[in-house]
């Protein structure tokens, strides 16, 4: 049903590629992160909520073919449908039904509740192609409420100390999730780096409720940011843009912060363990729910996960992809 090629995961029966990493005639896209949705393909098939994000990333002239969640469309000898993945707004698992049975490709996914996107939907299949970004037993997430209280407490502490709180996060998905989750704890506005504005506006256009935001570039020079919370991409760290923040405390929101060595290496004052990927228990639970007899792992810790699944009696292996995500550099 799917083969590994130089262009990505190819479905011969449907003459299409899933999240190809070079231009192809037809791309089936799981979500709008830059490592999954690349420029240059002839047409992009995606779930409806993903389409506005794709248009912002790839440009208005891009041919985008949105499909409602759960609707089956015919591509050659296959029937394809999108099902919520819970990763970011519009993220999808791709279900492919054809002569080789039923396959599901997760793209990136998480099981934690997220007010910015539809929750993950378990899909029964014969072969399950799962991401394994955090596919090691050490990765177990705390409840989101616990992490958000840590962030608000840190912000409050910095206010009393006259410091700016700068929280680094991924431009698409993580920033918007933080702004939405914080509405349950505060109504204070948040300053944001200009790079976060386009995708944040796209989320608002789809009705996602978030805290009020102001671009930092709009503030008069010389006005103190002490006591404010600022969201910014990692690419802004150490740039001249940060000089206007004055005395500050910095943090990073990512599943990578679960490992203390990574926190120390990256030199953040605080690390907040908030991930948009499934942790180890969620990966195993999801695999059980699919009923799949064969599980192929991609990205991240694919080989350890595949070896573990083999000990549980499943047929398992690795499918190579170019996907990056949280274990690599920041998505563009």
C-alpha atoms as a PDB file:
ATOM      1  CA  UNK A   1       0.000   0.000   0.000  1.00  0.00           C
ATOM      2  CA  UNK A   2       2.873   2.383   0.822  1.00  0.00           C
ATOM      3  CA  UNK A   3       6.457   2.297  -0.325  1.00  0.00           C
ATOM      4  CA  UNK A   4       9.496   4.325   0.643  1.00  0.00           C
ATOM      5  CA  UNK A   5      10.819   6.437  -2.229  1.00  0.00           C
ATOM      6  CA  UNK A   6      13.219   9.309  -2.704  1.00  0.00           C
ATOM      7  CA  UNK A   7      10.207  11.636  -2.721  1.00  0.00           C
ATOM      8  CA  UNK A   8       8.579  10.211   0.407  1.00  0.00           C
ATOM      9  CA  UNK A   9       5.884   7.680   1.254  1.00  0.00           C
ATOM     10  CA  UNK A  10       4.221   6.701  -2.013  1.00  0.00           C
ATOM     11  CA  UNK A  11       0.854   5.017  -2.476  1.00  0.00           C
ATOM     12  CA  UNK A  12       1.017   3.262  -5.886  1.00  0.00           C
ATOM     13  CA  UNK A  13      -2.688   2.399  -5.884  1.00  0.00           C
ATOM     14  CA  UNK A  14      -3.610   6.054  -5.391  1.00  0.00           C
ATOM     15  CA  UNK A  15      -0.766   7.658  -7.372  1.00  0.00           C
ATOM     16  CA  UNK A  16      -0.143  10.020  -4.463  1.00  0.00           C
ATOM     17  CA  UNK A  17       2.456  10.798  -1.809  1.00  0.00           C
ATOM     18  CA  UNK A  18       1.877  11.385   1.885  1.00  0.00           C
ATOM     19  CA  UNK A  19       3.767  14.458   3.161  1.00  0.00           C
ATOM     20  CA  UNK A  20       6.348  14.313   0.346  1.00  0.00           C
ATOM     21  CA  UNK A  21       9.615  16.140   0.855  1.00  0.00           C
ATOM     22  CA  UNK A  22      10.083  17.067  -2.825  1.00  0.00           C
ATOM     23  CA  UNK A  23       7.525  18.425  -5.325  1.00  0.00           C
ATOM     24  CA  UNK A  24       5.128  15.770  -6.672  1.00  0.00           C
ATOM     25  CA  UNK A  25       1.934  15.791  -8.743  1.00  0.00           C
ATOM     26  CA  UNK A  26      -0.407  15.058  -5.816  1.00  0.00           C
ATOM     27  CA  UNK A  27       0.474  15.450  -2.136  1.00  0.00           C
ATOM     28  CA  UNK A  28      -1.728  14.107   0.659  1.00  0.00           C
ATOM     29  CA  UNK A  29      -0.918  16.293   3.669  1.00  0.00           C
ATOM     30  CA  UNK A  30      -1.321  15.330   7.335  1.00  0.00           C
ATOM     31  CA  UNK A  31      -0.811  18.878   8.669  1.00  0.00           C
ATOM     32  CA  UNK A  32       0.684  22.275   7.884  1.00  0.00           C
ATOM     33  CA  UNK A  33       4.053  22.128   9.640  1.00  0.00           C
ATOM     34  CA  UNK A  34       6.867  22.920   7.243  1.00  0.00           C
ATOM     35  CA  UNK A  35       8.491  19.491   7.534  1.00  0.00           C
ATOM     36  CA  UNK A  36       5.261  17.844   6.346  1.00  0.00           C
ATOM     37  CA  UNK A  37       3.933  20.432   3.879  1.00  0.00           C
ATOM     38  CA  UNK A  38       6.588  21.563   1.415  1.00  0.00           C
ATOM     39  CA  UNK A  39       6.357  23.916  -1.550  1.00  0.00           C
ATOM     40  CA  UNK A  40       6.104  22.982  -5.205  1.00  0.00           C
ATOM     41  CA  UNK A  41       3.610  20.112  -5.565  1.00  0.00           C
ATOM     42  CA  UNK A  42       0.888  20.229  -8.196  1.00  0.00           C
ATOM     43  CA  UNK A  43      -2.010  19.761  -5.772  1.00  0.00           C
ATOM     44  CA  UNK A  44      -2.441  19.324  -2.021  1.00  0.00           C
ATOM     45  CA  UNK A  45      -5.190  17.182  -0.527  1.00  0.00           C
ATOM     46  CA  UNK A  46      -5.877  17.850   3.153  1.00  0.00           C
ATOM     47  CA  UNK A  47      -8.558  18.058   5.848  1.00  0.00           C
ATOM     48  CA  UNK A  48     -10.757  21.162   5.710  1.00  0.00           C
ATOM     49  CA  UNK A  49      -9.416  22.890   8.850  1.00  0.00           C
ATOM     50  CA  UNK A  50      -5.878  22.500   7.518  1.00  0.00           C
ATOM     51  CA  UNK A  51      -6.544  24.351   4.240  1.00  0.00           C
ATOM     52  CA  UNK A  52      -6.254  27.962   5.556  1.00  0.00           C
ATOM     53  CA  UNK A  53      -2.960  27.132   7.268  1.00  0.00           C
ATOM     54  CA  UNK A  54      -1.614  25.518   4.116  1.00  0.00           C
ATOM     55  CA  UNK A  55      -2.612  28.563   2.091  1.00  0.00           C
ATOM     56  CA  UNK A  56      -0.721  30.835   4.494  1.00  0.00           C
ATOM     57  CA  UNK A  57       2.352  28.641   4.382  1.00  0.00           C
ATOM     58  CA  UNK A  58       2.423  27.794   0.667  1.00  0.00           C
ATOM     59  CA  UNK A  59       0.841  30.887  -0.878  1.00  0.00           C
ATOM     60  CA  UNK A  60      -2.578  31.790  -2.334  1.00  0.00           C
ATOM     61  CA  UNK A  61      -1.845  30.325  -5.776  1.00  0.00           C
ATOM     62  CA  UNK A  62      -1.346  26.826  -4.357  1.00  0.00           C
ATOM     63  CA  UNK A  63      -3.912  24.249  -5.480  1.00  0.00           C
ATOM     64  CA  UNK A  64      -5.461  22.978  -2.239  1.00  0.00           C
ATOM     65  CA  UNK A  65      -8.237  20.370  -2.184  1.00  0.00           C
ATOM     66  CA  UNK A  66      -9.832  20.313   1.305  1.00  0.00           C
ATOM     67  CA  UNK A  67     -11.961  17.376   2.425  1.00  0.00           C
ATOM     68  CA  UNK A  68     -14.172  17.107   5.554  1.00  0.00           C
ATOM     69  CA  UNK A  69     -12.991  14.753   8.270  1.00  0.00           C
ATOM     70  CA  UNK A  70     -14.303  11.229   7.719  1.00  0.00           C
ATOM     71  CA  UNK A  71     -15.294  11.719   4.068  1.00  0.00           C
ATOM     72  CA  UNK A  72     -13.915   8.981   1.822  1.00  0.00           C
ATOM     73  CA  UNK A  73     -12.643   9.956  -1.589  1.00  0.00           C
ATOM     74  CA  UNK A  74     -11.460   7.686  -4.383  1.00  0.00           C
ATOM     75  CA  UNK A  75      -7.869   7.932  -5.575  1.00  0.00           C
ATOM     76  CA  UNK A  76      -7.179   5.275  -8.175  1.00  0.00           C
ATOM     77  CA  UNK A  77      -7.636   1.862  -6.578  1.00  0.00           C
ATOM     78  CA  UNK A  78      -7.843   3.311  -3.063  1.00  0.00           C
ATOM     79  CA  UNK A  79     -10.273   5.152  -0.839  1.00  0.00           C
ATOM     80  CA  UNK A  80      -8.703   7.840   1.316  1.00  0.00           C
ATOM     81  CA  UNK A  81     -10.104   9.731   4.312  1.00  0.00           C
ATOM     82  CA  UNK A  82      -8.800  12.136   6.942  1.00  0.00           C
ATOM     83  CA  UNK A  83      -9.332  11.661  10.689  1.00  0.00           C
ATOM     84  CA  UNK A  84      -8.374  14.052  13.515  1.00  0.00           C
ATOM     85  CA  UNK A  85      -4.859  13.610  14.882  1.00  0.00           C
ATOM     86  CA  UNK A  86      -5.053  16.135  17.754  1.00  0.00           C
ATOM     87  CA  UNK A  87      -1.595  17.531  16.934  1.00  0.00           C
ATOM     88  CA  UNK A  88      -2.458  21.060  15.735  1.00  0.00           C
ATOM     89  CA  UNK A  89      -5.417  22.706  13.995  1.00  0.00           C
ATOM     90  CA  UNK A  90      -6.325  20.658  10.916  1.00  0.00           C
ATOM     91  CA  UNK A  91      -3.917  17.826  11.683  1.00  0.00           C
ATOM     92  CA  UNK A  92      -5.006  14.451  10.367  1.00  0.00           C
ATOM     93  CA  UNK A  93      -4.343  10.784  10.223  1.00  0.00           C
ATOM     94  CA  UNK A  94      -4.649   9.435   6.697  1.00  0.00           C
ATOM     95  CA  UNK A  95      -6.683   6.243   6.275  1.00  0.00           C
ATOM     96  CA  UNK A  96      -6.037   4.350   3.051  1.00  0.00           C
ATOM     97  CA  UNK A  97      -8.209   1.409   2.040  1.00  0.00           C
ATOM     98  CA  UNK A  98      -7.305  -0.691  -0.977  1.00  0.00           C
ATOM     99  CA  UNK A  99      -6.182  -4.073  -2.254  1.00  0.00           C
ATOM    100  CA  UNK A 100      -3.522  -4.223   0.482  1.00  0.00           C
ATOM    101  CA  UNK A 101      -6.033  -3.790   3.315  1.00  0.00           C
ATOM    102  CA  UNK A 102      -6.496  -0.748   5.528  1.00  0.00           C
ATOM    103  CA  UNK A 103      -3.513   1.387   6.440  1.00  0.00           C
ATOM    104  CA  UNK A 104      -3.462   4.450   8.708  1.00  0.00           C
ATOM    105  CA  UNK A 105      -0.636   7.011   8.684  1.00  0.00           C
ATOM    106  CA  UNK A 106      -0.728   9.216  11.770  1.00  0.00           C
ATOM    107  CA  UNK A 107       1.511  12.089  10.754  1.00  0.00           C
ATOM    108  CA  UNK A 108       2.169  13.774  14.117  1.00  0.00           C
ATOM    109  CA  UNK A 109      -0.430  13.218  16.837  1.00  0.00           C
ATOM    110  CA  UNK A 110      -1.171  13.643  20.519  1.00  0.00           C
ATOM    111  CA  UNK A 111      -3.833  12.336  22.889  1.00  0.00           C
ATOM    112  CA  UNK A 112      -3.948  15.223  25.386  1.00  0.00           C
ATOM    113  CA  UNK A 113      -6.948  17.554  25.118  1.00  0.00           C
ATOM    114  CA  UNK A 114      -6.244  20.734  23.172  1.00  0.00           C
ATOM    115  CA  UNK A 115      -8.761  23.604  22.817  1.00  0.00           C
ATOM    116  CA  UNK A 116      -7.294  24.604  19.438  1.00  0.00           C
ATOM    117  CA  UNK A 117      -8.019  21.439  17.457  1.00  0.00           C
ATOM    118  CA  UNK A 118     -10.253  18.392  17.133  1.00  0.00           C
ATOM    119  CA  UNK A 119      -9.286  15.513  19.464  1.00  0.00           C
ATOM    120  CA  UNK A 120      -7.528  12.411  18.183  1.00  0.00           C
ATOM    121  CA  UNK A 121      -9.866   9.803  16.733  1.00  0.00           C
ATOM    122  CA  UNK A 122      -8.780   6.139  17.003  1.00  0.00           C
ATOM    123  CA  UNK A 123      -9.103   4.407  13.625  1.00  0.00           C
ATOM    124  CA  UNK A 124      -9.108   0.621  13.228  1.00  0.00           C
ATOM    125  CA  UNK A 125      -6.688  -0.701  10.624  1.00  0.00           C
ATOM    126  CA  UNK A 126      -4.483  -3.585   9.535  1.00  0.00           C
ATOM    127  CA  UNK A 127      -1.231  -1.615   9.318  1.00  0.00           C
ATOM    128  CA  UNK A 128      -0.556   1.403  11.507  1.00  0.00           C
ATOM    129  CA  UNK A 129       2.224   3.831  10.530  1.00  0.00           C
ATOM    130  CA  UNK A 130       2.889   5.820  13.672  1.00  0.00           C
ATOM    131  CA  UNK A 131       5.146   8.704  14.534  1.00  0.00           C
ATOM    132  CA  UNK A 132       7.544   7.994  17.397  1.00  0.00           C
ATOM    133  CA  UNK A 133       8.959  11.428  18.169  1.00  0.00           C
ATOM    134  CA  UNK A 134       8.968  10.594  21.871  1.00  0.00           C
ATOM    135  CA  UNK A 135       8.983   6.822  21.585  1.00  0.00           C
ATOM    136  CA  UNK A 136      10.956   6.043  24.742  1.00  0.00           C
ATOM    137  CA  UNK A 137       9.634   5.157  28.239  1.00  0.00           C
ATOM    138  CA  UNK A 138      11.221   8.283  29.756  1.00  0.00           C
ATOM    139  CA  UNK A 139       8.720  10.482  27.933  1.00  0.00           C
ATOM    140  CA  UNK A 140       5.563  10.787  30.022  1.00  0.00           C
ATOM    141  CA  UNK A 141       3.629  14.033  30.118  1.00  0.00           C
ATOM    142  CA  UNK A 142       2.150  15.749  33.163  1.00  0.00           C
ATOM    143  CA  UNK A 143      -1.477  16.951  32.942  1.00  0.00           C
ATOM    144  CA  UNK A 144      -1.717  20.146  30.899  1.00  0.00           C
ATOM    145  CA  UNK A 145      -3.297  22.061  33.804  1.00  0.00           C
ATOM    146  CA  UNK A 146      -0.208  21.373  35.911  1.00  0.00           C
ATOM    147  CA  UNK A 147       2.102  22.766  33.237  1.00  0.00           C
ATOM    148  CA  UNK A 148      -0.054  25.852  32.639  1.00  0.00           C
ATOM    149  CA  UNK A 149      -0.064  26.628  36.374  1.00  0.00           C
ATOM    150  CA  UNK A 150       3.726  26.374  36.317  1.00  0.00           C
ATOM    151  CA  UNK A 151       3.841  28.893  33.465  1.00  0.00           C
ATOM    152  CA  UNK A 152       1.464  31.363  35.124  1.00  0.00           C
ATOM    153  CA  UNK A 153       3.307  31.077  38.455  1.00  0.00           C
ATOM    154  CA  UNK A 154       6.619  31.751  36.694  1.00  0.00           C
ATOM    155  CA  UNK A 155       5.062  34.763  34.963  1.00  0.00           C
ATOM    156  CA  UNK A 156       3.728  36.091  38.289  1.00  0.00           C
ATOM    157  CA  UNK A 157       7.080  35.596  40.025  1.00  0.00           C
ATOM    158  CA  UNK A 158       8.852  37.490  37.252  1.00  0.00           C
ATOM    159  CA  UNK A 159       6.344  40.340  37.509  1.00  0.00           C
ATOM    160  CA  UNK A 160       7.190  40.806  41.177  1.00  0.00           C
ATOM    161  CA  UNK A 161      10.889  40.836  40.271  1.00  0.00           C
ATOM    162  CA  UNK A 162      10.439  43.358  37.456  1.00  0.00           C
ATOM    163  CA  UNK A 163      11.465  40.872  34.772  1.00  0.00           C
ATOM    164  CA  UNK A 164      10.107  40.177  31.314  1.00  0.00           C
ATOM    165  CA  UNK A 165       8.998  36.553  30.883  1.00  0.00           C
ATOM    166  CA  UNK A 166       9.942  35.330  27.411  1.00  0.00           C
ATOM    167  CA  UNK A 167       8.614  31.920  26.511  1.00  0.00           C
ATOM    168  CA  UNK A 168      10.034  30.304  23.389  1.00  0.00           C
ATOM    169  CA  UNK A 169       7.700  28.037  21.468  1.00  0.00           C
ATOM    170  CA  UNK A 170       6.991  26.683  17.997  1.00  0.00           C
ATOM    171  CA  UNK A 171       5.402  29.169  15.623  1.00  0.00           C
ATOM    172  CA  UNK A 172       2.526  26.965  14.477  1.00  0.00           C
ATOM    173  CA  UNK A 173       0.542  24.956  16.990  1.00  0.00           C
ATOM    174  CA  UNK A 174       2.418  25.431  20.261  1.00  0.00           C
ATOM    175  CA  UNK A 175       2.094  29.231  20.380  1.00  0.00           C
ATOM    176  CA  UNK A 176      -1.642  29.083  19.697  1.00  0.00           C
ATOM    177  CA  UNK A 177      -2.174  26.273  22.179  1.00  0.00           C
ATOM    178  CA  UNK A 178      -0.443  28.296  24.892  1.00  0.00           C
ATOM    179  CA  UNK A 179      -2.592  31.348  24.145  1.00  0.00           C
ATOM    180  CA  UNK A 180      -5.746  29.216  24.276  1.00  0.00           C
ATOM    181  CA  UNK A 181      -4.843  27.232  27.402  1.00  0.00           C
ATOM    182  CA  UNK A 182      -3.891  30.423  29.284  1.00  0.00           C
ATOM    183  CA  UNK A 183      -7.445  31.780  28.939  1.00  0.00           C
ATOM    184  CA  UNK A 184      -8.433  29.410  31.764  1.00  0.00           C
ATOM    185  CA  UNK A 185      -5.939  31.041  34.117  1.00  0.00           C
ATOM    186  CA  UNK A 186      -5.752  34.728  33.171  1.00  0.00           C
ATOM    187  CA  UNK A 187      -7.193  37.431  30.941  1.00  0.00           C
ATOM    188  CA  UNK A 188      -3.944  39.378  30.684  1.00  0.00           C
ATOM    189  CA  UNK A 189      -2.797  40.187  27.127  1.00  0.00           C
ATOM    190  CA  UNK A 190       0.394  38.649  25.774  1.00  0.00           C
ATOM    191  CA  UNK A 191       3.115  40.179  23.607  1.00  0.00           C
ATOM    192  CA  UNK A 192       4.237  38.126  20.625  1.00  0.00           C
ATOM    193  CA  UNK A 193       7.060  38.144  18.118  1.00  0.00           C
ATOM    194  CA  UNK A 194       5.910  39.166  14.648  1.00  0.00           C
ATOM    195  CA  UNK A 195       6.613  35.685  13.234  1.00  0.00           C
ATOM    196  CA  UNK A 196       3.761  34.295  15.348  1.00  0.00           C
ATOM    197  CA  UNK A 197       1.113  36.650  13.968  1.00  0.00           C
ATOM    198  CA  UNK A 198       0.126  35.036  10.620  1.00  0.00           C
ATOM    199  CA  UNK A 199      -0.695  31.604  12.024  1.00  0.00           C
ATOM    200  CA  UNK A 200      -2.265  33.070  15.158  1.00  0.00           C
ATOM    201  CA  UNK A 201      -4.549  35.167  12.948  1.00  0.00           C
ATOM    202  CA  UNK A 202      -5.378  32.027  10.949  1.00  0.00           C
ATOM    203  CA  UNK A 203      -6.435  30.261  14.156  1.00  0.00           C
ATOM    204  CA  UNK A 204      -8.597  33.205  15.197  1.00  0.00           C
ATOM    205  CA  UNK A 205     -10.263  33.197  11.771  1.00  0.00           C
ATOM    206  CA  UNK A 206     -11.386  29.626  12.481  1.00  0.00           C
ATOM    207  CA  UNK A 207     -12.958  30.593  15.796  1.00  0.00           C
ATOM    208  CA  UNK A 208     -10.221  29.498  18.198  1.00  0.00           C
ATOM    209  CA  UNK A 209     -10.459  31.554  21.414  1.00  0.00           C
ATOM    210  CA  UNK A 210      -7.107  32.855  22.660  1.00  0.00           C
ATOM    211  CA  UNK A 211      -5.724  35.615  24.845  1.00  0.00           C
ATOM    212  CA  UNK A 212      -5.421  39.059  23.317  1.00  0.00           C
ATOM    213  CA  UNK A 213      -2.052  39.527  21.635  1.00  0.00           C
ATOM    214  CA  UNK A 214       0.027  42.518  20.563  1.00  0.00           C
ATOM    215  CA  UNK A 215       3.063  42.384  18.301  1.00  0.00           C
ATOM    216  CA  UNK A 216       6.090  43.562  20.226  1.00  0.00           C
ATOM    217  CA  UNK A 217       7.175  45.624  17.233  1.00  0.00           C
ATOM    218  CA  UNK A 218       4.103  47.820  17.757  1.00  0.00           C
ATOM    219  CA  UNK A 219       5.150  48.984  21.226  1.00  0.00           C
ATOM    220  CA  UNK A 220       6.822  52.385  21.510  1.00  0.00           C
ATOM    221  CA  UNK A 221      10.564  52.199  21.925  1.00  0.00           C
ATOM    222  CA  UNK A 222      11.639  52.748  25.466  1.00  0.00           C
ATOM    223  CA  UNK A 223       8.435  51.362  26.973  1.00  0.00           C
ATOM    224  CA  UNK A 224       9.340  48.711  29.517  1.00  0.00           C
ATOM    225  CA  UNK A 225       8.272  45.089  29.034  1.00  0.00           C
ATOM    226  CA  UNK A 226       8.839  44.300  32.708  1.00  0.00           C
ATOM    227  CA  UNK A 227       6.106  42.027  34.013  1.00  0.00           C
ATOM    228  CA  UNK A 228       4.903  41.079  30.537  1.00  0.00           C
ATOM    229  CA  UNK A 229       4.763  37.611  28.974  1.00  0.00           C
ATOM    230  CA  UNK A 230       6.321  37.441  25.514  1.00  0.00           C
ATOM    231  CA  UNK A 231       5.964  34.462  23.155  1.00  0.00           C
ATOM    232  CA  UNK A 232       8.666  34.070  20.531  1.00  0.00           C
ATOM    233  CA  UNK A 233      10.129  31.477  18.164  1.00  0.00           C
ATOM    234  CA  UNK A 234      13.464  29.896  18.993  1.00  0.00           C
ATOM    235  CA  UNK A 235      14.974  31.653  15.989  1.00  0.00           C
ATOM    236  CA  UNK A 236      14.617  34.974  17.862  1.00  0.00           C
ATOM    237  CA  UNK A 237      16.860  33.862  20.704  1.00  0.00           C
ATOM    238  CA  UNK A 238      20.034  35.894  20.849  1.00  0.00           C
ATOM    239  CA  UNK A 239      18.965  38.323  18.122  1.00  0.00           C
ATOM    240  CA  UNK A 240      18.935  42.142  18.389  1.00  0.00           C
ATOM    241  CA  UNK A 241      15.124  41.945  18.706  1.00  0.00           C
ATOM    242  CA  UNK A 242      15.559  40.719  22.273  1.00  0.00           C
ATOM    243  CA  UNK A 243      17.402  43.860  23.378  1.00  0.00           C
ATOM    244  CA  UNK A 244      14.118  45.710  23.817  1.00  0.00           C
ATOM    245  CA  UNK A 245      13.013  43.208  26.470  1.00  0.00           C
ATOM    246  CA  UNK A 246      15.330  44.495  29.188  1.00  0.00           C
ATOM    247  CA  UNK A 247      15.982  42.231  32.170  1.00  0.00           C
ATOM    248  CA  UNK A 248      14.304  38.912  31.538  1.00  0.00           C
ATOM    249  CA  UNK A 249      13.785  35.280  32.427  1.00  0.00           C
ATOM    250  CA  UNK A 250      13.467  32.849  29.548  1.00  0.00           C
ATOM    251  CA  UNK A 251      11.735  29.500  29.179  1.00  0.00           C
ATOM    252  CA  UNK A 252      11.007  26.919  26.508  1.00  0.00           C
ATOM    253  CA  UNK A 253       7.780  24.925  26.121  1.00  0.00           C
ATOM    254  CA  UNK A 254       8.499  21.516  24.576  1.00  0.00           C
ATOM    255  CA  UNK A 255       8.460  17.816  25.322  1.00  0.00           C
ATOM    256  CA  UNK A 256      12.246  18.018  24.987  1.00  0.00           C
ATOM    257  CA  UNK A 257      12.304  19.679  28.398  1.00  0.00           C
ATOM    258  CA  UNK A 258      11.486  16.338  30.044  1.00  0.00           C
ATOM    259  CA  UNK A 259      15.212  15.494  29.872  1.00  0.00           C
ATOM    260  CA  UNK A 260      17.206  17.561  32.355  1.00  0.00           C
ATOM    261  CA  UNK A 261      20.367  17.290  30.294  1.00  0.00           C
ATOM    262  CA  UNK A 262      18.634  18.964  27.369  1.00  0.00           C
ATOM    263  CA  UNK A 263      17.428  21.788  29.627  1.00  0.00           C
ATOM    264  CA  UNK A 264      20.968  22.402  30.899  1.00  0.00           C
ATOM    265  CA  UNK A 265      22.475  22.162  27.433  1.00  0.00           C
ATOM    266  CA  UNK A 266      20.085  24.718  25.979  1.00  0.00           C
ATOM    267  CA  UNK A 267      20.549  27.085  28.917  1.00  0.00           C
ATOM    268  CA  UNK A 268      16.953  28.161  29.543  1.00  0.00           C
ATOM    269  CA  UNK A 269      15.986  29.505  32.953  1.00  0.00           C
ATOM    270  CA  UNK A 270      12.888  27.301  32.873  1.00  0.00           C
ATOM    271  CA  UNK A 271      11.769  24.319  30.862  1.00  0.00           C
ATOM    272  CA  UNK A 272       8.051  23.579  30.588  1.00  0.00           C
ATOM    273  CA  UNK A 273       7.165  20.057  29.474  1.00  0.00           C
ATOM    274  CA  UNK A 274       4.353  20.732  27.028  1.00  0.00           C
ATOM    275  CA  UNK A 275       4.310  18.631  23.875  1.00  0.00           C
ATOM    276  CA  UNK A 276       2.049  18.327  20.858  1.00  0.00           C
ATOM    277  CA  UNK A 277       3.174  14.719  20.346  1.00  0.00           C
ATOM    278  CA  UNK A 278       2.100  11.492  22.029  1.00  0.00           C
ATOM    279  CA  UNK A 279       4.139  10.314  24.996  1.00  0.00           C
ATOM    280  CA  UNK A 280       5.182   6.684  25.559  1.00  0.00           C
ATOM    281  CA  UNK A 281       2.000   5.484  27.307  1.00  0.00           C
ATOM    282  CA  UNK A 282      -0.181   7.225  24.705  1.00  0.00           C
ATOM    283  CA  UNK A 283       1.727   5.621  21.838  1.00  0.00           C
ATOM    284  CA  UNK A 284       1.195   2.144  23.259  1.00  0.00           C
ATOM    285  CA  UNK A 285      -2.458   2.783  24.125  1.00  0.00           C
ATOM    286  CA  UNK A 286      -3.160   4.136  20.650  1.00  0.00           C
ATOM    287  CA  UNK A 287      -1.499   1.155  18.975  1.00  0.00           C
ATOM    288  CA  UNK A 288      -3.706  -1.172  21.025  1.00  0.00           C
ATOM    289  CA  UNK A 289      -6.820   0.778  20.021  1.00  0.00           C
ATOM    290  CA  UNK A 290      -6.129   0.428  16.300  1.00  0.00           C
ATOM    291  CA  UNK A 291      -6.189  -3.369  16.440  1.00  0.00           C
ATOM    292  CA  UNK A 292      -3.369  -3.367  13.871  1.00  0.00           C
ATOM    293  CA  UNK A 293      -1.366  -6.565  13.461  1.00  0.00           C
ATOM    294  CA  UNK A 294       1.530  -4.647  11.913  1.00  0.00           C
ATOM    295  CA  UNK A 295       2.958  -1.360  13.208  1.00  0.00           C
ATOM    296  CA  UNK A 296       5.578   0.659  11.353  1.00  0.00           C
ATOM    297  CA  UNK A 297       7.301   3.465  13.264  1.00  0.00           C
ATOM    298  CA  UNK A 298       8.599   6.668  11.687  1.00  0.00           C
ATOM    299  CA  UNK A 299      10.664   9.591  12.915  1.00  0.00           C
ATOM    300  CA  UNK A 300      12.293  10.150  16.271  1.00  0.00           C
ATOM    301  CA  UNK A 301      12.822   6.983  18.299  1.00  0.00           C
ATOM    302  CA  UNK A 302      11.397   4.660  15.670  1.00  0.00           C
ATOM    303  CA  UNK A 303      13.815   1.768  16.098  1.00  0.00           C
ATOM    304  CA  UNK A 304      13.448   1.406  19.898  1.00  0.00           C
ATOM    305  CA  UNK A 305       9.655   1.529  19.576  1.00  0.00           C
ATOM    306  CA  UNK A 306       9.654  -1.080  16.810  1.00  0.00           C
ATOM    307  CA  UNK A 307      11.892  -3.402  18.839  1.00  0.00           C
ATOM    308  CA  UNK A 308       9.640  -3.068  21.875  1.00  0.00           C
ATOM    309  CA  UNK A 309       6.506  -3.822  19.851  1.00  0.00           C
ATOM    310  CA  UNK A 310       8.147  -6.951  18.481  1.00  0.00           C
ATOM    311  CA  UNK A 311       8.547  -8.230  22.055  1.00  0.00           C
ATOM    312  CA  UNK A 312       4.780  -7.802  22.446  1.00  0.00           C
ATOM    313  CA  UNK A 313       4.110 -10.092  19.508  1.00  0.00           C
ATOM    314  CA  UNK A 314       3.378  -7.484  16.861  1.00  0.00           C
ATOM    315  CA  UNK A 315       4.910  -7.438  13.428  1.00  0.00           C
ATOM    316  CA  UNK A 316       6.865  -4.207  13.493  1.00  0.00           C
ATOM    317  CA  UNK A 317       9.506  -2.263  11.624  1.00  0.00           C
ATOM    318  CA  UNK A 318      10.635   1.218  10.598  1.00  0.00           C
ATOM    319  CA  UNK A 319       9.594   3.412   7.676  1.00  0.00           C
ATOM    320  CA  UNK A 320      12.149   6.086   6.908  1.00  0.00           C
ATOM    321  CA  UNK A 321      10.886   9.646   6.481  1.00  0.00           C
ATOM    322  CA  UNK A 322      12.366  13.133   6.414  1.00  0.00           C
ATOM    323  CA  UNK A 323       9.976  14.366   9.094  1.00  0.00           C
ATOM    324  CA  UNK A 324      11.527  16.494  11.809  1.00  0.00           C
ATOM    325  CA  UNK A 325       9.323  18.065  14.492  1.00  0.00           C
ATOM    326  CA  UNK A 326      10.206  18.565  18.127  1.00  0.00           C
ATOM    327  CA  UNK A 327      13.262  16.308  18.189  1.00  0.00           C
ATOM    328  CA  UNK A 328      14.901  18.347  15.422  1.00  0.00           C
ATOM    329  CA  UNK A 329      15.164  22.031  14.704  1.00  0.00           C
ATOM    330  CA  UNK A 330      12.207  24.353  14.985  1.00  0.00           C
ATOM    331  CA  UNK A 331       9.706  24.002  12.180  1.00  0.00           C
ATOM    332  CA  UNK A 332       9.815  27.030   9.853  1.00  0.00           C
END
